Amino acid sequence: MRRLLDALYDGAAWLAALALVGLLAMVLLSIAGRQLHFHVPGTDAYAGYLMAAAGFLALAHTFKRGEHIRVTLVLHRTRGAARRALEVWSLAAGTLLAGLAAFYSVRLAWQSHQFNDISTGNDATPLWIPQLSMAAGSVILAIAFVDELVLELRGRRRQTTPAEALRNE
């Protein structure tokens, strides 16, 4: 199960990286169009869709690597059972919030599909298509939170500290 979950997080990160490459292509196409006097409709909209996809799809991978910003001022001053209780509470609250975000993201994409909602730009993209990346990223983040909560409750959670944070303190 561990390898499957790690593959899920890594796969989402690879998709986020591909979205960043696509975003770069849209920006370069827009710049080339201005310089060479041609216009490709929808490049701004697709750049926005790809930026959102990159952000949402990278959430779980970043969380699992300990790279999200955490306020650890109180946590670092507690020890033993109090620290574990704070960790469990934080992870439970994060799981709840990530679950709500996942639920409403999936619902938004589903409703956009049902209502045939399209973008207001001249590209007229069905909005459920770019919303799928937001929904998928949110669901994978919720899975990552449940994963971390279960690991913490079982006493198997590895504390990850990003190397950059160690150099800045």
Protein backbone atom coordinates (compact mmCIF):
# COMPACT_ATOMS: atom_id res chain seq x y z
CA MET A 1 0.00 0.00 0.00
CA ARG A 2 2.88 2.33 0.84
CA ARG A 3 4.38 2.01 -2.64
CA LEU A 4 1.00 2.63 -4.25
CA LEU A 5 0.43 5.81 -2.24
CA ASP A 6 3.94 7.09 -2.90
CA ALA A 7 3.44 6.38 -6.61
CA LEU A 8 0.17 8.35 -6.50
CA TYR A 9 1.90 11.36 -4.92
CA ASP A 10 4.84 11.14 -7.33
CA GLY A 11 2.52 10.74 -10.34
CA ALA A 12 0.59 13.84 -9.35
CA ALA A 13 3.88 15.72 -8.99
CA TRP A 14 4.92 14.63 -12.49
CA LEU A 15 1.59 15.83 -13.86
CA ALA A 16 2.16 19.14 -12.08
CA ALA A 17 5.58 19.38 -13.72
CA LEU A 18 4.02 18.69 -17.12
CA ALA A 19 1.47 21.43 -16.43
CA LEU A 20 4.36 23.81 -15.73
CA VAL A 21 5.95 22.87 -19.05
CA GLY A 22 2.61 23.50 -20.74
CA LEU A 23 2.37 26.85 -18.94
CA LEU A 24 5.82 27.75 -20.24
CA ALA A 25 4.72 26.81 -23.76
CA MET A 26 1.63 29.04 -23.49
CA VAL A 27 3.68 31.99 -22.24
CA LEU A 28 6.32 31.53 -24.95
CA LEU A 29 3.62 31.20 -27.60
CA SER A 30 2.02 34.42 -26.39
CA ILE A 31 5.37 36.24 -26.42
CA ALA A 32 6.24 34.92 -29.88
CA GLY A 33 2.81 35.94 -31.09
CA ARG A 34 3.34 39.52 -29.94
CA GLN A 35 6.79 39.69 -31.51
CA LEU A 36 5.78 38.08 -34.81
CA HIS A 37 2.33 39.73 -35.03
CA PHE A 38 0.05 36.70 -34.76
CA HIS A 39 -2.47 35.76 -32.12
CA VAL A 40 -3.45 32.35 -30.80
CA PRO A 41 -6.79 32.69 -29.02
CA GLY A 42 -7.09 31.25 -25.54
CA THR A 43 -3.41 31.21 -24.58
CA ASP A 44 -4.06 33.36 -21.50
CA ALA A 45 -6.94 31.14 -20.37
CA TYR A 46 -4.97 27.94 -20.93
CA ALA A 47 -1.98 29.39 -19.09
CA GLY A 48 -4.28 30.03 -16.14
CA TYR A 49 -5.74 26.54 -16.29
CA LEU A 50 -2.26 25.02 -16.38
CA MET A 51 -1.07 27.19 -13.49
CA ALA A 52 -4.00 26.00 -11.36
CA ALA A 53 -3.32 22.40 -12.38
CA ALA A 54 0.33 22.69 -11.40
CA GLY A 55 -0.55 24.15 -8.03
CA PHE A 56 -3.24 21.66 -7.08
CA LEU A 57 -1.51 18.55 -8.41
CA ALA A 58 1.68 19.36 -6.49
CA LEU A 59 -0.05 19.80 -3.11
CA ALA A 60 0.12 16.20 -1.86
CA HIS A 61 3.71 15.61 -2.96
CA THR A 62 4.80 18.83 -1.28
CA PHE A 63 2.88 17.97 1.89
CA LYS A 64 4.37 14.46 2.12
CA ARG A 65 7.89 15.88 1.78
CA GLY A 66 7.36 18.38 4.63
CA GLU A 67 7.67 21.38 2.33
CA HIS A 68 4.39 23.12 3.23
CA ILE A 69 4.69 26.10 5.52
CA ARG A 70 3.95 25.01 9.09
CA VAL A 71 3.78 27.18 12.16
CA THR A 72 5.79 25.09 14.60
CA LEU A 73 6.46 27.65 17.32
CA VAL A 74 4.29 25.83 19.88
CA LEU A 75 4.95 22.36 18.51
CA HIS A 76 8.72 22.62 18.95
CA ARG A 77 8.30 23.62 22.58
CA THR A 78 6.16 20.63 23.51
CA ARG A 79 7.33 17.10 24.22
CA GLY A 80 5.86 13.65 24.68
CA ALA A 81 2.11 13.17 24.83
CA ALA A 82 1.34 16.88 24.43
CA ARG A 83 3.31 17.05 21.19
CA ARG A 84 1.65 13.91 19.86
CA ALA A 85 -1.79 15.27 20.77
CA LEU A 86 -1.02 18.51 18.89
CA GLU A 87 0.17 16.52 15.87
CA VAL A 88 -2.95 14.33 15.87
CA TRP A 89 -5.23 17.36 16.28
CA SER A 90 -3.44 19.25 13.48
CA LEU A 91 -3.58 16.29 11.13
CA ALA A 92 -7.23 15.61 11.96
CA ALA A 93 -8.13 19.25 11.29
CA GLY A 94 -6.11 19.20 8.07
CA THR A 95 -7.81 15.96 7.02
CA LEU A 96 -11.22 17.49 7.60
CA LEU A 97 -10.38 20.66 5.66
CA ALA A 98 -8.72 18.75 2.81
CA GLY A 99 -11.72 16.41 2.67
CA LEU A 100 -14.10 19.37 2.41
CA ALA A 101 -11.97 20.97 -0.31
CA ALA A 102 -11.90 17.65 -2.20
CA PHE A 103 -15.65 17.18 -1.88
CA TYR A 104 -16.49 20.67 -3.11
CA SER A 105 -13.88 20.57 -5.90
CA VAL A 106 -15.28 17.31 -7.23
CA ARG A 107 -18.81 18.67 -6.88
CA LEU A 108 -17.87 21.83 -8.79
CA ALA A 109 -16.39 19.86 -11.67
CA TRP A 110 -19.40 17.52 -11.73
CA GLN A 111 -21.87 20.41 -11.74
CA SER A 112 -19.94 22.21 -14.47
CA HIS A 113 -20.18 19.05 -16.54
CA GLN A 114 -23.89 18.63 -15.87
CA PHE A 115 -24.72 22.26 -16.66
CA ASN A 116 -22.41 22.36 -19.73
CA ASP A 117 -20.66 25.37 -18.22
CA ILE A 118 -18.10 26.91 -20.58
CA SER A 119 -15.51 29.64 -20.14
CA THR A 120 -16.48 33.17 -21.05
CA GLY A 121 -13.40 33.62 -23.23
CA ASN A 122 -13.34 33.12 -26.97
CA ASP A 123 -11.93 29.60 -26.48
CA ALA A 124 -15.26 28.42 -24.94
CA THR A 125 -13.60 25.58 -23.03
CA PRO A 126 -15.94 23.32 -21.05
CA LEU A 127 -14.96 24.29 -17.50
CA TRP A 128 -15.14 20.78 -16.09
CA ILE A 129 -11.98 19.90 -18.03
CA PRO A 130 -9.62 22.31 -16.24
CA GLN A 131 -11.53 21.80 -12.98
CA LEU A 132 -10.61 18.11 -13.07
CA SER A 133 -7.03 18.93 -12.13
CA MET A 134 -8.23 20.94 -9.14
CA ALA A 135 -10.52 18.10 -8.08
CA ALA A 136 -7.83 15.45 -8.56
CA GLY A 137 -5.23 17.48 -6.68
CA SER A 138 -7.65 18.10 -3.81
CA VAL A 139 -8.60 14.42 -3.58
CA ILE A 140 -4.96 13.34 -3.60
CA LEU A 141 -4.17 15.92 -0.88
CA ALA A 142 -7.03 14.55 1.24
CA ILE A 143 -5.63 11.04 0.77
CA ALA A 144 -2.20 12.31 1.85
CA PHE A 145 -3.68 13.85 5.00
CA VAL A 146 -5.48 10.60 5.86
CA ASP A 147 -2.22 8.76 5.19
CA GLU A 148 -0.27 11.01 7.57
CA LEU A 149 -2.98 10.84 10.25
CA VAL A 150 -3.02 7.03 10.14
CA LEU A 151 0.77 6.92 10.29
CA GLU A 152 0.76 9.27 13.30
CA LEU A 153 -1.90 7.25 15.10
CA ARG A 154 0.06 4.04 14.50
CA GLY A 155 3.30 5.65 15.67
CA ARG A 156 4.98 5.19 12.29
CA ARG A 157 5.03 8.77 11.03
CA ARG A 158 8.41 10.05 9.99
CA GLN A 159 9.00 13.69 10.81
CA THR A 160 10.29 15.38 7.68
CA THR A 161 12.07 18.67 7.93
CA PRO A 162 12.97 20.49 4.74
CA ALA A 163 16.65 21.23 4.34
CA GLU A 164 15.98 24.83 3.32
CA ALA A 165 14.23 25.57 6.62
CA LEU A 166 17.26 24.30 8.51
CA ARG A 167 19.51 26.75 6.68
CA ASN A 168 17.24 29.72 7.28
CA GLU A 169 16.84 29.42 11.03
